[in-house]
Each structure stands twice: as structure tokens, then as C-alpha cells.
Amino acid sequence: MKPFTCLLLIVSLFVFFTAQSGDCAESTRIRTGYPSPSASFSPLFVAQDAGLFAKHGLASELLYLQGVQITQVHVAGQVDFTITGSPLPLQAAVEGADLMLIASSIDRFIYKLIVDPSISAPAQLQGKTIGITRFGSLPDVAIRLLLNKWGMNPDKDVKLIQIGRMTDMVVALSGKRIDAGVISDPTSFQAEKLGMKRLLDMADTDFEFANVAVIVSRAYAKSHRELTLRFLKAYLEGTKRFLTDRTVGIQALRKYTGISDQEILAKTYDLFAAKYIKKSPTLSIKAVDQALRMIADRNPKAKNRKAEEFVDMSFMNELETSGFIKSVWP
């Protein structure tokens, strides 16, 4: 090889590897917690798998953290963002934790009340055993609110027991360990295929509730504002991709839920894309206030607190005024 050619090759390789290392240096590592392999978190799953976090310079890792663990881990600084139901982070914030809501994808309850086939009306739940994931979790909050609406005391008129994972709820129902369960999709469809009955889709009630919220600490958001905006950009693009690309959406559901039944996956995708997930995850103050009122029923510290104390609308507002949201949803 001629000296000039050899030198040119060396320079080319140096430029290539320098560019590659530069790209890596620009990617900031982040960790995001989520509490359930539910279709509720599809925008997050799609943003991860479609490379949308990477597109915005983020090397993203997702962590599956159940129940109160997700808030405990966030407060300890082991994750940068969590995407979860609002009660747990709001409860922690009421107690003094430095957590706030900056976005929300779903503003209604989306659980199904799945029951033994012998139950055909809410009144028949009197004295029955109802399964939830964990006390203090969103399914717990949802069923308590619903039972109150039906004139029942959730601590006296029924027995609420902790089951754990949604898949375990189906096992408990089919094994007659519980009479009813608060179950998310697509697991609810599995229960129905096994002969269980849907008593109610909670999304059809008039409750407005911050169901799936993006959480960050105030300190982190302040010191990493531009990064937080990049996270939301990727999350918003993940939402768009899920809602408009059925194939990608179903692939994400299959991967994260572990369900391979194509009929169940298709039904789940169609339901969430058409009914549940908002195009833009802008917070609803009313939905956060509703969550606070429910927390206040069990924690006096939440009484007379306002949603505005626990949210920061400025991030989504900036994406709106900058034209980014319009560029995603022309």
C-alpha cells in the first residue's frame, strides 16, 4: 500500500471512530420505572423499542417495579423518571417527597372488574372477596371508589386481598380463591377466554383520574430541564407511533405483556388506541385533583391540598408553544 493511501486510511478510521465515540458521549443514560406489563404503558414501550429515546440522545433503560416499590426507588434516586398511576407518587409528595407530575397519557380508570360467572350485578359483590394487586395501588384506589359509588363500604362490605401480578389474578379467579378481580388489559381478555365475566369497564364511568402519569423529581427537572424535554419528546413520539402503527403497537404488547394470543393482542391494541390513550399527554388538573381527594380519604395530610402544588405544566406547555406537538400531530 502506498504511503499516502495508508495515511488516508488511518485518517479515515480515526475520523470514523471519533465520530462514533462522540455519538456515544452525547447519549445520556436514563432509567425509567414502570409498574406493570400493561398496555397502559405502550407509549413508553414503543418509544424504547422504536429507538425514539436514542433519537433524542438518551440511552434508556426500563425497570419493572411493582407497587409502592416504584415510588420508593424513585425517591431514593435510583431512577430518573417513572410512568405510573398518580396515587403513589402523590401520596409520597404529600408526605414530603420531591416528586411531581409533568404529563399524563390516560385520564380515566381503564381496569375491568372481572367476576365469577355467577355474579351478574354489583349488589352481588356484598360479602365477596375481590382481588387487587397491592394495597395503595391504582386497582385498590379504583375499586374503593367504585364500591363507594355503589353504596358499599370497601373495608366492611367486601374483602379486599392482595394478589400481586395481573396474571396471578386470573389464576386466583379460575381457582375460586377470589370472586372478582380488578384486572387490566390484555390480562382481562385472558380471564374472559377462560370463562370469567366482565361486570364493568371502569373507563365507562364518569370518573376523571390521572391514571398514567409521567413523574420526575423537582430537583432533577430543574437541573436537567433540557433532558426532561427530550424525554417527553420521545414519549410523545412513542405515543404517536403506537396510535398510528398497529403492527408496531401489537409487537410491543406481545413483547412486554408476554401474551402471544393474536386475538387478545389485537383486541387490546384496538381498545387502547381508539379509547384510552390520549394523543398528547398534557395533564388534566381535574384528574389530579380527583386523585388527591381519594388520597385525602385515608390521609389527612392530603386534605385541602391542590393539584397545582404537585404538577409542573411548563414542560408540556413549552412543547406546545415551540411547535413540537404540532410537528408530531400536524
C-alpha atoms as a PDB file:
ATOM      1  CA  MET A   1       0.000   0.000   0.000  1.00  0.00           C
ATOM      2  CA  LYS A   2       1.342   3.420  -0.946  1.00  0.00           C
ATOM      3  CA  PRO A   3       2.278   5.740   1.982  1.00  0.00           C
ATOM      4  CA  PHE A   4      -0.326   8.343   1.008  1.00  0.00           C
ATOM      5  CA  THR A   5      -3.070   5.708   0.704  1.00  0.00           C
ATOM      6  CA  CYS A   6      -2.080   4.223   4.063  1.00  0.00           C
ATOM      7  CA  LEU A   7      -2.145   7.669   5.697  1.00  0.00           C
ATOM      8  CA  LEU A   8      -5.561   8.374   4.174  1.00  0.00           C
ATOM      9  CA  LEU A   9      -6.903   5.080   5.556  1.00  0.00           C
ATOM     10  CA  ILE A  10      -5.572   5.851   9.045  1.00  0.00           C
ATOM     11  CA  VAL A  11      -7.115   9.334   8.999  1.00  0.00           C
ATOM     12  CA  SER A  12     -10.443   7.929   7.783  1.00  0.00           C
ATOM     13  CA  LEU A  13     -10.509   5.319  10.539  1.00  0.00           C
ATOM     14  CA  PHE A  14      -9.636   7.963  13.143  1.00  0.00           C
ATOM     15  CA  VAL A  15     -12.467  10.208  11.970  1.00  0.00           C
ATOM     16  CA  PHE A  16     -14.926   7.281  11.960  1.00  0.00           C
ATOM     17  CA  PHE A  17     -14.137   6.082  15.469  1.00  0.00           C
ATOM     18  CA  THR A  18     -14.001   9.622  16.819  1.00  0.00           C
ATOM     19  CA  ALA A  19     -17.474  10.255  15.413  1.00  0.00           C
ATOM     20  CA  GLN A  20     -18.717   7.006  16.899  1.00  0.00           C
ATOM     21  CA  SER A  21     -17.356   7.802  20.371  1.00  0.00           C
ATOM     22  CA  GLY A  22     -18.750  11.301  20.061  1.00  0.00           C
ATOM     23  CA  ASP A  23     -22.236   9.915  19.404  1.00  0.00           C
ATOM     24  CA  CYS A  24     -21.970   7.744  22.497  1.00  0.00           C
ATOM     25  CA  ALA A  25     -20.795  10.675  24.561  1.00  0.00           C
ATOM     26  CA  GLU A  26     -23.842  12.640  23.507  1.00  0.00           C
ATOM     27  CA  SER A  27     -26.214   9.898  24.708  1.00  0.00           C
ATOM     28  CA  THR A  28     -27.213  10.415  28.322  1.00  0.00           C
ATOM     29  CA  ARG A  29     -28.124   7.330  30.318  1.00  0.00           C
ATOM     30  CA  ILE A  30     -31.564   7.410  31.942  1.00  0.00           C
ATOM     31  CA  ARG A  31     -33.564   4.865  33.905  1.00  0.00           C
ATOM     32  CA  THR A  32     -37.358   4.786  33.801  1.00  0.00           C
ATOM     33  CA  GLY A  33     -39.563   2.744  36.088  1.00  0.00           C
ATOM     34  CA  TYR A  34     -42.977   1.319  35.213  1.00  0.00           C
ATOM     35  CA  PRO A  35     -45.252  -0.778  37.487  1.00  0.00           C
ATOM     36  CA  SER A  36     -46.982  -3.281  35.233  1.00  0.00           C
ATOM     37  CA  PRO A  37     -46.659  -5.043  31.861  1.00  0.00           C
ATOM     38  CA  SER A  38     -49.953  -3.415  30.912  1.00  0.00           C
ATOM     39  CA  ALA A  39     -50.991  -1.890  27.611  1.00  0.00           C
ATOM     40  CA  SER A  40     -51.335   1.364  29.593  1.00  0.00           C
ATOM     41  CA  PHE A  41     -47.602   1.853  29.182  1.00  0.00           C
ATOM     42  CA  SER A  42     -47.494   1.208  25.442  1.00  0.00           C
ATOM     43  CA  PRO A  43     -46.178   4.711  24.543  1.00  0.00           C
ATOM     44  CA  LEU A  44     -43.175   4.027  26.785  1.00  0.00           C
ATOM     45  CA  PHE A  45     -42.615   0.548  25.354  1.00  0.00           C
ATOM     46  CA  VAL A  46     -42.810   1.781  21.759  1.00  0.00           C
ATOM     47  CA  ALA A  47     -40.547   4.773  22.438  1.00  0.00           C
ATOM     48  CA  GLN A  48     -37.985   2.348  23.824  1.00  0.00           C
ATOM     49  CA  ASP A  49     -38.173  -0.309  21.126  1.00  0.00           C
ATOM     50  CA  ALA A  50     -38.524   2.064  18.163  1.00  0.00           C
ATOM     51  CA  GLY A  51     -35.334   3.895  19.169  1.00  0.00           C
ATOM     52  CA  LEU A  52     -37.110   7.172  19.908  1.00  0.00           C
ATOM     53  CA  PHE A  53     -35.237   7.796  23.159  1.00  0.00           C
ATOM     54  CA  ALA A  54     -31.991   7.151  21.279  1.00  0.00           C
ATOM     55  CA  LYS A  55     -33.166   9.582  18.591  1.00  0.00           C
ATOM     56  CA  HIS A  56     -33.220  12.295  21.267  1.00  0.00           C
ATOM     57  CA  GLY A  57     -29.807  11.392  22.678  1.00  0.00           C
ATOM     58  CA  LEU A  58     -30.979   9.209  25.552  1.00  0.00           C
ATOM     59  CA  ALA A  59     -29.618   5.756  26.364  1.00  0.00           C
ATOM     60  CA  SER A  60     -32.752   4.458  28.051  1.00  0.00           C
ATOM     61  CA  GLU A  61     -33.206   1.529  30.430  1.00  0.00           C
ATOM     62  CA  LEU A  62     -36.681   0.410  31.573  1.00  0.00           C
ATOM     63  CA  LEU A  63     -37.191  -1.081  35.036  1.00  0.00           C
ATOM     64  CA  TYR A  64     -40.270  -3.092  36.045  1.00  0.00           C
ATOM     65  CA  LEU A  65     -41.042  -2.049  39.648  1.00  0.00           C
ATOM     66  CA  GLN A  66     -44.235  -3.247  41.319  1.00  0.00           C
ATOM     67  CA  GLY A  67     -46.471  -1.446  43.816  1.00  0.00           C
ATOM     68  CA  VAL A  68     -45.038   1.078  46.264  1.00  0.00           C
ATOM     69  CA  GLN A  69     -41.554  -0.066  45.273  1.00  0.00           C
ATOM     70  CA  ILE A  70     -41.663   2.177  42.224  1.00  0.00           C
ATOM     71  CA  THR A  71     -42.026   5.341  44.317  1.00  0.00           C
ATOM     72  CA  GLN A  72     -39.512   4.189  46.917  1.00  0.00           C
ATOM     73  CA  VAL A  73     -36.922   3.562  44.221  1.00  0.00           C
ATOM     74  CA  HIS A  74     -37.596   6.951  42.633  1.00  0.00           C
ATOM     75  CA  VAL A  75     -37.338   8.807  45.938  1.00  0.00           C
ATOM     76  CA  ALA A  76     -34.025   7.014  46.540  1.00  0.00           C
ATOM     77  CA  GLY A  77     -32.767   8.425  43.239  1.00  0.00           C
ATOM     78  CA  GLN A  78     -32.350   5.046  41.553  1.00  0.00           C
ATOM     79  CA  VAL A  79     -34.492   6.046  38.567  1.00  0.00           C
ATOM     80  CA  ASP A  80     -34.785   9.350  36.733  1.00  0.00           C
ATOM     81  CA  PHE A  81     -38.423   9.039  35.607  1.00  0.00           C
ATOM     82  CA  THR A  82     -41.363   6.863  36.495  1.00  0.00           C
ATOM     83  CA  ILE A  83     -44.525   6.317  34.493  1.00  0.00           C
ATOM     84  CA  THR A  84     -47.202   5.057  36.816  1.00  0.00           C
ATOM     85  CA  GLY A  85     -50.597   5.732  38.370  1.00  0.00           C
ATOM     86  CA  SER A  86     -50.724   9.069  40.177  1.00  0.00           C
ATOM     87  CA  PRO A  87     -51.787   7.968  43.717  1.00  0.00           C
ATOM     88  CA  LEU A  88     -48.454   6.521  44.841  1.00  0.00           C
ATOM     89  CA  PRO A  89     -46.253   9.485  43.806  1.00  0.00           C
ATOM     90  CA  LEU A  90     -48.904  11.950  45.035  1.00  0.00           C
ATOM     91  CA  GLN A  91     -49.081  10.141  48.360  1.00  0.00           C
ATOM     92  CA  ALA A  92     -45.291  10.353  48.648  1.00  0.00           C
ATOM     93  CA  ALA A  93     -45.345  14.048  47.668  1.00  0.00           C
ATOM     94  CA  VAL A  94     -47.987  14.804  50.300  1.00  0.00           C
ATOM     95  CA  GLU A  95     -45.611  13.243  52.818  1.00  0.00           C
ATOM     96  CA  GLY A  96     -42.795  15.493  51.613  1.00  0.00           C
ATOM     97  CA  ALA A  97     -41.156  13.582  48.763  1.00  0.00           C
ATOM     98  CA  ASP A  98     -39.714  15.721  45.965  1.00  0.00           C
ATOM     99  CA  LEU A  99     -41.888  14.245  43.201  1.00  0.00           C
ATOM    100  CA  MET A 100     -44.219  15.932  40.715  1.00  0.00           C
ATOM    101  CA  LEU A 101     -46.342  15.086  37.690  1.00  0.00           C
ATOM    102  CA  ILE A 102     -45.390  16.554  34.324  1.00  0.00           C
ATOM    103  CA  ALA A 103     -47.608  14.629  31.877  1.00  0.00           C
ATOM    104  CA  SER A 104     -50.457  12.120  31.753  1.00  0.00           C
ATOM    105  CA  SER A 105     -51.416   9.692  28.980  1.00  0.00           C
ATOM    106  CA  ILE A 106     -54.676   8.338  30.390  1.00  0.00           C
ATOM    107  CA  ASP A 107     -57.183  10.329  32.446  1.00  0.00           C
ATOM    108  CA  ARG A 108     -59.672   7.610  33.296  1.00  0.00           C
ATOM    109  CA  PHE A 109     -59.741   4.248  35.010  1.00  0.00           C
ATOM    110  CA  ILE A 110     -59.135   1.509  32.474  1.00  0.00           C
ATOM    111  CA  TYR A 111     -59.467  -1.548  34.672  1.00  0.00           C
ATOM    112  CA  LYS A 112     -62.093  -4.184  34.149  1.00  0.00           C
ATOM    113  CA  LEU A 113     -63.986  -5.660  37.062  1.00  0.00           C
ATOM    114  CA  ILE A 114     -63.831  -9.345  36.136  1.00  0.00           C
ATOM    115  CA  VAL A 115     -66.084 -11.629  38.157  1.00  0.00           C
ATOM    116  CA  ASP A 116     -67.121 -15.227  38.606  1.00  0.00           C
ATOM    117  CA  PRO A 117     -69.882 -16.064  36.079  1.00  0.00           C
ATOM    118  CA  SER A 118     -72.379 -16.431  38.931  1.00  0.00           C
ATOM    119  CA  ILE A 119     -72.194 -12.670  39.617  1.00  0.00           C
ATOM    120  CA  SER A 120     -74.369 -10.529  37.373  1.00  0.00           C
ATOM    121  CA  ALA A 121     -74.916  -7.286  39.348  1.00  0.00           C
ATOM    122  CA  PRO A 122     -72.881  -5.028  41.662  1.00  0.00           C
ATOM    123  CA  ALA A 123     -75.128  -5.828  44.641  1.00  0.00           C
ATOM    124  CA  GLN A 124     -73.981  -9.450  44.448  1.00  0.00           C
ATOM    125  CA  LEU A 125     -70.465  -8.391  45.420  1.00  0.00           C
ATOM    126  CA  GLN A 126     -71.678  -7.899  49.003  1.00  0.00           C
ATOM    127  CA  GLY A 127     -69.642 -10.201  51.231  1.00  0.00           C
ATOM    128  CA  LYS A 128     -67.439 -11.371  48.364  1.00  0.00           C
ATOM    129  CA  THR A 129     -63.647 -11.444  48.055  1.00  0.00           C
ATOM    130  CA  ILE A 130     -62.126  -9.060  45.497  1.00  0.00           C
ATOM    131  CA  GLY A 131     -58.533  -9.296  44.329  1.00  0.00           C
ATOM    132  CA  ILE A 132     -56.259  -6.308  43.786  1.00  0.00           C
ATOM    133  CA  THR A 133     -52.551  -6.098  43.054  1.00  0.00           C
ATOM    134  CA  ARG A 134     -51.359  -4.303  46.198  1.00  0.00           C
ATOM    135  CA  PHE A 135     -52.922  -2.090  48.856  1.00  0.00           C
ATOM    136  CA  GLY A 136     -52.424   1.533  47.871  1.00  0.00           C
ATOM    137  CA  SER A 137     -52.068   0.625  44.204  1.00  0.00           C
ATOM    138  CA  LEU A 138     -54.244   2.051  41.458  1.00  0.00           C
ATOM    139  CA  PRO A 139     -56.506  -1.043  41.304  1.00  0.00           C
ATOM    140  CA  ASP A 140     -57.063  -0.640  45.060  1.00  0.00           C
ATOM    141  CA  VAL A 141     -57.965   3.031  44.651  1.00  0.00           C
ATOM    142  CA  ALA A 142     -60.248   2.291  41.704  1.00  0.00           C
ATOM    143  CA  ILE A 143     -62.290  -0.449  43.347  1.00  0.00           C
ATOM    144  CA  ARG A 144     -62.729   1.556  46.552  1.00  0.00           C
ATOM    145  CA  LEU A 145     -64.101   4.498  44.623  1.00  0.00           C
ATOM    146  CA  LEU A 146     -66.411   2.230  42.648  1.00  0.00           C
ATOM    147  CA  LEU A 147     -67.716   0.408  45.727  1.00  0.00           C
ATOM    148  CA  ASN A 148     -68.424   3.740  47.419  1.00  0.00           C
ATOM    149  CA  LYS A 149     -70.406   4.795  44.357  1.00  0.00           C
ATOM    150  CA  TRP A 150     -72.433   1.583  44.653  1.00  0.00           C
ATOM    151  CA  GLY A 151     -73.172   2.307  48.319  1.00  0.00           C
ATOM    152  CA  MET A 152     -70.773  -0.256  49.768  1.00  0.00           C
ATOM    153  CA  ASN A 153     -68.014   0.189  52.324  1.00  0.00           C
ATOM    154  CA  PRO A 154     -64.847  -1.360  50.856  1.00  0.00           C
ATOM    155  CA  ASP A 155     -63.492  -2.126  54.342  1.00  0.00           C
ATOM    156  CA  LYS A 156     -66.656  -3.791  55.646  1.00  0.00           C
ATOM    157  CA  ASP A 157     -68.951  -4.965  52.880  1.00  0.00           C
ATOM    158  CA  VAL A 158     -66.341  -6.863  50.844  1.00  0.00           C
ATOM    159  CA  LYS A 159     -62.962  -8.433  51.498  1.00  0.00           C
ATOM    160  CA  LEU A 160     -60.086  -6.937  49.502  1.00  0.00           C
ATOM    161  CA  ILE A 161     -56.991  -9.124  49.259  1.00  0.00           C
ATOM    162  CA  GLN A 162     -53.598  -8.584  47.649  1.00  0.00           C
ATOM    163  CA  ILE A 163     -52.869 -10.973  44.803  1.00  0.00           C
ATOM    164  CA  GLY A 164     -49.824  -9.437  43.111  1.00  0.00           C
ATOM    165  CA  ARG A 165     -49.426  -9.682  39.358  1.00  0.00           C
ATOM    166  CA  MET A 166     -52.346  -9.415  36.963  1.00  0.00           C
ATOM    167  CA  THR A 167     -51.669 -12.912  35.660  1.00  0.00           C
ATOM    168  CA  ASP A 168     -51.908 -14.224  39.224  1.00  0.00           C
ATOM    169  CA  MET A 169     -55.351 -12.598  39.436  1.00  0.00           C
ATOM    170  CA  VAL A 170     -56.594 -14.820  36.611  1.00  0.00           C
ATOM    171  CA  VAL A 171     -55.239 -17.897  38.386  1.00  0.00           C
ATOM    172  CA  ALA A 172     -56.934 -16.821  41.628  1.00  0.00           C
ATOM    173  CA  LEU A 173     -60.244 -16.258  39.846  1.00  0.00           C
ATOM    174  CA  SER A 174     -60.232 -19.557  37.977  1.00  0.00           C
ATOM    175  CA  GLY A 175     -59.229 -21.348  41.184  1.00  0.00           C
ATOM    176  CA  LYS A 176     -62.155 -19.781  43.113  1.00  0.00           C
ATOM    177  CA  ARG A 177     -59.759 -18.112  45.549  1.00  0.00           C
ATOM    178  CA  ILE A 178     -61.431 -14.768  44.775  1.00  0.00           C
ATOM    179  CA  ASP A 179     -64.875 -13.895  43.447  1.00  0.00           C
ATOM    180  CA  ALA A 180     -63.807 -10.838  41.485  1.00  0.00           C
ATOM    181  CA  GLY A 181     -60.638  -9.083  40.387  1.00  0.00           C
ATOM    182  CA  VAL A 182     -59.596  -5.622  39.234  1.00  0.00           C
ATOM    183  CA  ILE A 183     -57.694  -6.517  36.063  1.00  0.00           C
ATOM    184  CA  SER A 184     -56.047  -4.519  33.292  1.00  0.00           C
ATOM    185  CA  ASP A 185     -55.809  -5.423  29.611  1.00  0.00           C
ATOM    186  CA  PRO A 186     -54.772  -7.626  27.971  1.00  0.00           C
ATOM    187  CA  THR A 187     -54.930  -9.920  31.012  1.00  0.00           C
ATOM    188  CA  SER A 188     -58.663  -9.264  31.343  1.00  0.00           C
ATOM    189  CA  PHE A 189     -59.204 -10.786  27.906  1.00  0.00           C
ATOM    190  CA  GLN A 190     -57.386 -13.926  29.040  1.00  0.00           C
ATOM    191  CA  ALA A 191     -59.746 -14.194  32.010  1.00  0.00           C
ATOM    192  CA  GLU A 192     -62.766 -13.843  29.752  1.00  0.00           C
ATOM    193  CA  LYS A 193     -61.485 -16.558  27.435  1.00  0.00           C
ATOM    194  CA  LEU A 194     -61.302 -18.840  30.482  1.00  0.00           C
ATOM    195  CA  GLY A 195     -64.991 -18.226  31.222  1.00  0.00           C
ATOM    196  CA  MET A 196     -64.848 -15.311  33.626  1.00  0.00           C
ATOM    197  CA  LYS A 197     -67.254 -12.410  33.083  1.00  0.00           C
ATOM    198  CA  ARG A 198     -66.716  -8.679  32.694  1.00  0.00           C
ATOM    199  CA  LEU A 199     -69.009  -6.848  35.097  1.00  0.00           C
ATOM    200  CA  LEU A 200     -67.767  -3.355  34.240  1.00  0.00           C
ATOM    201  CA  ASP A 201     -65.248  -1.433  32.172  1.00  0.00           C
ATOM    202  CA  MET A 202     -64.282   1.342  34.586  1.00  0.00           C
ATOM    203  CA  ALA A 203     -63.493   3.649  31.665  1.00  0.00           C
ATOM    204  CA  ASP A 204     -67.230   3.868  31.104  1.00  0.00           C
ATOM    205  CA  THR A 205     -67.780   5.551  34.474  1.00  0.00           C
ATOM    206  CA  ASP A 206     -67.713   9.333  34.908  1.00  0.00           C
ATOM    207  CA  PHE A 207     -64.535   9.322  36.993  1.00  0.00           C
ATOM    208  CA  GLU A 208     -61.756  11.567  35.661  1.00  0.00           C
ATOM    209  CA  PHE A 209     -58.496  10.399  37.121  1.00  0.00           C
ATOM    210  CA  ALA A 210     -54.765  10.780  36.393  1.00  0.00           C
ATOM    211  CA  ASN A 211     -54.209   7.120  35.635  1.00  0.00           C
ATOM    212  CA  VAL A 212     -50.886   7.005  33.788  1.00  0.00           C
ATOM    213  CA  ALA A 213     -48.633   9.911  34.697  1.00  0.00           C
ATOM    214  CA  VAL A 214     -45.018  10.855  33.969  1.00  0.00           C
ATOM    215  CA  ILE A 215     -43.223  11.552  37.255  1.00  0.00           C
ATOM    216  CA  VAL A 216     -39.936  13.319  37.926  1.00  0.00           C
ATOM    217  CA  SER A 217     -38.341  14.915  40.974  1.00  0.00           C
ATOM    218  CA  ARG A 218     -38.339  18.703  41.125  1.00  0.00           C
ATOM    219  CA  ALA A 219     -34.586  18.744  41.691  1.00  0.00           C
ATOM    220  CA  TYR A 220     -33.921  16.538  38.659  1.00  0.00           C
ATOM    221  CA  ALA A 221     -36.274  18.503  36.412  1.00  0.00           C
ATOM    222  CA  LYS A 222     -34.629  21.762  37.463  1.00  0.00           C
ATOM    223  CA  SER A 223     -31.081  20.554  36.892  1.00  0.00           C
ATOM    224  CA  HIS A 224     -31.955  18.542  33.769  1.00  0.00           C
ATOM    225  CA  ARG A 225     -34.669  20.606  32.127  1.00  0.00           C
ATOM    226  CA  GLU A 226     -33.452  20.138  28.561  1.00  0.00           C
ATOM    227  CA  LEU A 227     -33.072  16.392  29.125  1.00  0.00           C
ATOM    228  CA  THR A 228     -36.579  16.197  30.598  1.00  0.00           C
ATOM    229  CA  LEU A 229     -37.923  17.912  27.486  1.00  0.00           C
ATOM    230  CA  ARG A 230     -36.078  15.361  25.336  1.00  0.00           C
ATOM    231  CA  PHE A 231     -37.642  12.551  27.354  1.00  0.00           C
ATOM    232  CA  LEU A 232     -41.113  13.980  26.771  1.00  0.00           C
ATOM    233  CA  LYS A 233     -40.408  14.434  23.069  1.00  0.00           C
ATOM    234  CA  ALA A 234     -39.509  10.753  22.753  1.00  0.00           C
ATOM    235  CA  TYR A 235     -42.536   9.778  24.849  1.00  0.00           C
ATOM    236  CA  LEU A 236     -44.848  11.894  22.687  1.00  0.00           C
ATOM    237  CA  GLU A 237     -43.409  10.380  19.522  1.00  0.00           C
ATOM    238  CA  GLY A 238     -43.826   6.933  21.069  1.00  0.00           C
ATOM    239  CA  THR A 239     -47.478   7.773  21.645  1.00  0.00           C
ATOM    240  CA  LYS A 240     -47.881   8.823  18.005  1.00  0.00           C
ATOM    241  CA  ARG A 241     -46.151   5.686  16.757  1.00  0.00           C
ATOM    242  CA  PHE A 242     -48.318   3.431  18.921  1.00  0.00           C
ATOM    243  CA  LEU A 243     -51.554   5.114  17.902  1.00  0.00           C
ATOM    244  CA  THR A 244     -50.787   5.136  14.173  1.00  0.00           C
ATOM    245  CA  ASP A 245     -48.746   1.966  13.592  1.00  0.00           C
ATOM    246  CA  ARG A 246     -50.823  -1.068  14.531  1.00  0.00           C
ATOM    247  CA  THR A 247     -48.058  -3.547  13.703  1.00  0.00           C
ATOM    248  CA  VAL A 248     -45.504  -1.827  15.940  1.00  0.00           C
ATOM    249  CA  GLY A 249     -48.092  -1.423  18.700  1.00  0.00           C
ATOM    250  CA  ILE A 250     -49.003  -5.098  18.706  1.00  0.00           C
ATOM    251  CA  GLN A 251     -45.324  -6.102  18.613  1.00  0.00           C
ATOM    252  CA  ALA A 252     -44.687  -4.022  21.752  1.00  0.00           C
ATOM    253  CA  LEU A 253     -47.701  -5.527  23.503  1.00  0.00           C
ATOM    254  CA  ARG A 254     -46.524  -9.037  22.674  1.00  0.00           C
ATOM    255  CA  LYS A 255     -43.026  -8.357  23.972  1.00  0.00           C
ATOM    256  CA  TYR A 256     -43.880  -6.623  27.242  1.00  0.00           C
ATOM    257  CA  THR A 257     -47.060  -8.435  28.255  1.00  0.00           C
ATOM    258  CA  GLY A 258     -45.738 -11.867  27.340  1.00  0.00           C
ATOM    259  CA  ILE A 259     -49.030 -12.690  25.606  1.00  0.00           C
ATOM    260  CA  SER A 260     -48.856 -14.450  22.248  1.00  0.00           C
ATOM    261  CA  ASP A 261     -52.577 -14.868  21.531  1.00  0.00           C
ATOM    262  CA  GLN A 262     -53.031 -12.758  18.396  1.00  0.00           C
ATOM    263  CA  GLU A 263     -56.757 -12.225  19.004  1.00  0.00           C
ATOM    264  CA  ILE A 264     -56.156 -10.863  22.508  1.00  0.00           C
ATOM    265  CA  LEU A 265     -53.298  -8.653  21.316  1.00  0.00           C
ATOM    266  CA  ALA A 266     -55.403  -7.214  18.504  1.00  0.00           C
ATOM    267  CA  LYS A 267     -58.374  -6.509  20.798  1.00  0.00           C
ATOM    268  CA  THR A 268     -56.094  -4.857  23.340  1.00  0.00           C
ATOM    269  CA  TYR A 269     -54.396  -2.660  20.762  1.00  0.00           C
ATOM    270  CA  ASP A 270     -57.686  -1.547  19.209  1.00  0.00           C
ATOM    271  CA  LEU A 271     -59.153  -0.672  22.607  1.00  0.00           C
ATOM    272  CA  PHE A 272     -56.199   1.377  23.825  1.00  0.00           C
ATOM    273  CA  ALA A 273     -55.563   3.112  20.513  1.00  0.00           C
ATOM    274  CA  ALA A 274     -59.195   4.074  19.999  1.00  0.00           C
ATOM    275  CA  LYS A 275     -60.436   4.677  23.541  1.00  0.00           C
ATOM    276  CA  TYR A 276     -57.848   5.115  26.269  1.00  0.00           C
ATOM    277  CA  ILE A 277     -54.540   6.727  25.318  1.00  0.00           C
ATOM    278  CA  LYS A 278     -54.561  10.466  24.596  1.00  0.00           C
ATOM    279  CA  LYS A 279     -52.765  11.819  21.533  1.00  0.00           C
ATOM    280  CA  SER A 280     -50.949  14.394  23.664  1.00  0.00           C
ATOM    281  CA  PRO A 281     -50.124  13.592  27.323  1.00  0.00           C
ATOM    282  CA  THR A 282     -50.997  17.039  28.668  1.00  0.00           C
ATOM    283  CA  LEU A 283     -52.020  16.958  32.336  1.00  0.00           C
ATOM    284  CA  SER A 284     -55.610  17.450  33.453  1.00  0.00           C
ATOM    285  CA  ILE A 285     -55.762  19.416  36.709  1.00  0.00           C
ATOM    286  CA  LYS A 286     -59.219  17.982  37.386  1.00  0.00           C
ATOM    287  CA  ALA A 287     -57.885  14.428  37.049  1.00  0.00           C
ATOM    288  CA  VAL A 288     -55.049  15.134  39.509  1.00  0.00           C
ATOM    289  CA  ASP A 289     -57.462  16.801  41.949  1.00  0.00           C
ATOM    290  CA  GLN A 290     -59.622  13.667  41.859  1.00  0.00           C
ATOM    291  CA  ALA A 291     -56.599  11.561  42.794  1.00  0.00           C
ATOM    292  CA  LEU A 292     -55.780  13.901  45.680  1.00  0.00           C
ATOM    293  CA  ARG A 293     -59.343  13.694  47.009  1.00  0.00           C
ATOM    294  CA  MET A 294     -59.115   9.925  47.120  1.00  0.00           C
ATOM    295  CA  ILE A 295     -55.791  10.087  48.953  1.00  0.00           C
ATOM    296  CA  ALA A 296     -57.359  12.519  51.449  1.00  0.00           C
ATOM    297  CA  ASP A 297     -59.963   9.884  52.369  1.00  0.00           C
ATOM    298  CA  ARG A 298     -57.183   7.891  54.018  1.00  0.00           C
ATOM    299  CA  ASN A 299     -54.516  10.507  54.702  1.00  0.00           C
ATOM    300  CA  PRO A 300     -55.494  13.772  56.455  1.00  0.00           C
ATOM    301  CA  LYS A 301     -52.304  15.427  55.162  1.00  0.00           C
ATOM    302  CA  ALA A 302     -53.822  15.472  51.682  1.00  0.00           C
ATOM    303  CA  LYS A 303     -56.914  17.406  52.749  1.00  0.00           C
ATOM    304  CA  ASN A 304     -57.188  20.894  51.253  1.00  0.00           C
ATOM    305  CA  ARG A 305     -54.164  20.303  49.024  1.00  0.00           C
ATOM    306  CA  LYS A 306     -54.430  21.425  45.407  1.00  0.00           C
ATOM    307  CA  ALA A 307     -53.285  19.711  42.243  1.00  0.00           C
ATOM    308  CA  GLU A 308     -51.245  22.775  41.270  1.00  0.00           C
ATOM    309  CA  GLU A 309     -48.892  22.043  44.189  1.00  0.00           C
ATOM    310  CA  PHE A 310     -47.851  18.727  42.681  1.00  0.00           C
ATOM    311  CA  VAL A 311     -47.632  19.378  38.943  1.00  0.00           C
ATOM    312  CA  ASP A 312     -45.432  21.314  36.550  1.00  0.00           C
ATOM    313  CA  MET A 313     -47.269  22.188  33.353  1.00  0.00           C
ATOM    314  CA  SER A 314     -44.343  24.159  31.928  1.00  0.00           C
ATOM    315  CA  PHE A 315     -42.734  21.231  30.106  1.00  0.00           C
ATOM    316  CA  MET A 316     -45.761  20.281  28.032  1.00  0.00           C
ATOM    317  CA  ASN A 317     -46.552  23.989  27.582  1.00  0.00           C
ATOM    318  CA  GLU A 318     -43.076  24.529  26.146  1.00  0.00           C
ATOM    319  CA  LEU A 319     -43.521  21.638  23.720  1.00  0.00           C
ATOM    320  CA  GLU A 320     -46.802  23.234  22.670  1.00  0.00           C
ATOM    321  CA  THR A 321     -45.521  26.799  22.213  1.00  0.00           C
ATOM    322  CA  SER A 322     -42.333  25.643  20.471  1.00  0.00           C
ATOM    323  CA  GLY A 323     -44.432  23.882  17.854  1.00  0.00           C
ATOM    324  CA  PHE A 324     -43.103  20.415  18.687  1.00  0.00           C
ATOM    325  CA  ILE A 325     -46.522  18.906  19.467  1.00  0.00           C
ATOM    326  CA  LYS A 326     -47.911  20.310  16.237  1.00  0.00           C
ATOM    327  CA  SER A 327     -44.975  18.816  14.346  1.00  0.00           C
ATOM    328  CA  VAL A 328     -45.873  15.399  15.776  1.00  0.00           C
ATOM    329  CA  TRP A 329     -49.619  15.837  15.279  1.00  0.00           C
ATOM    330  CA  PRO A 330     -49.967  18.249  12.332  1.00  0.00           C
END
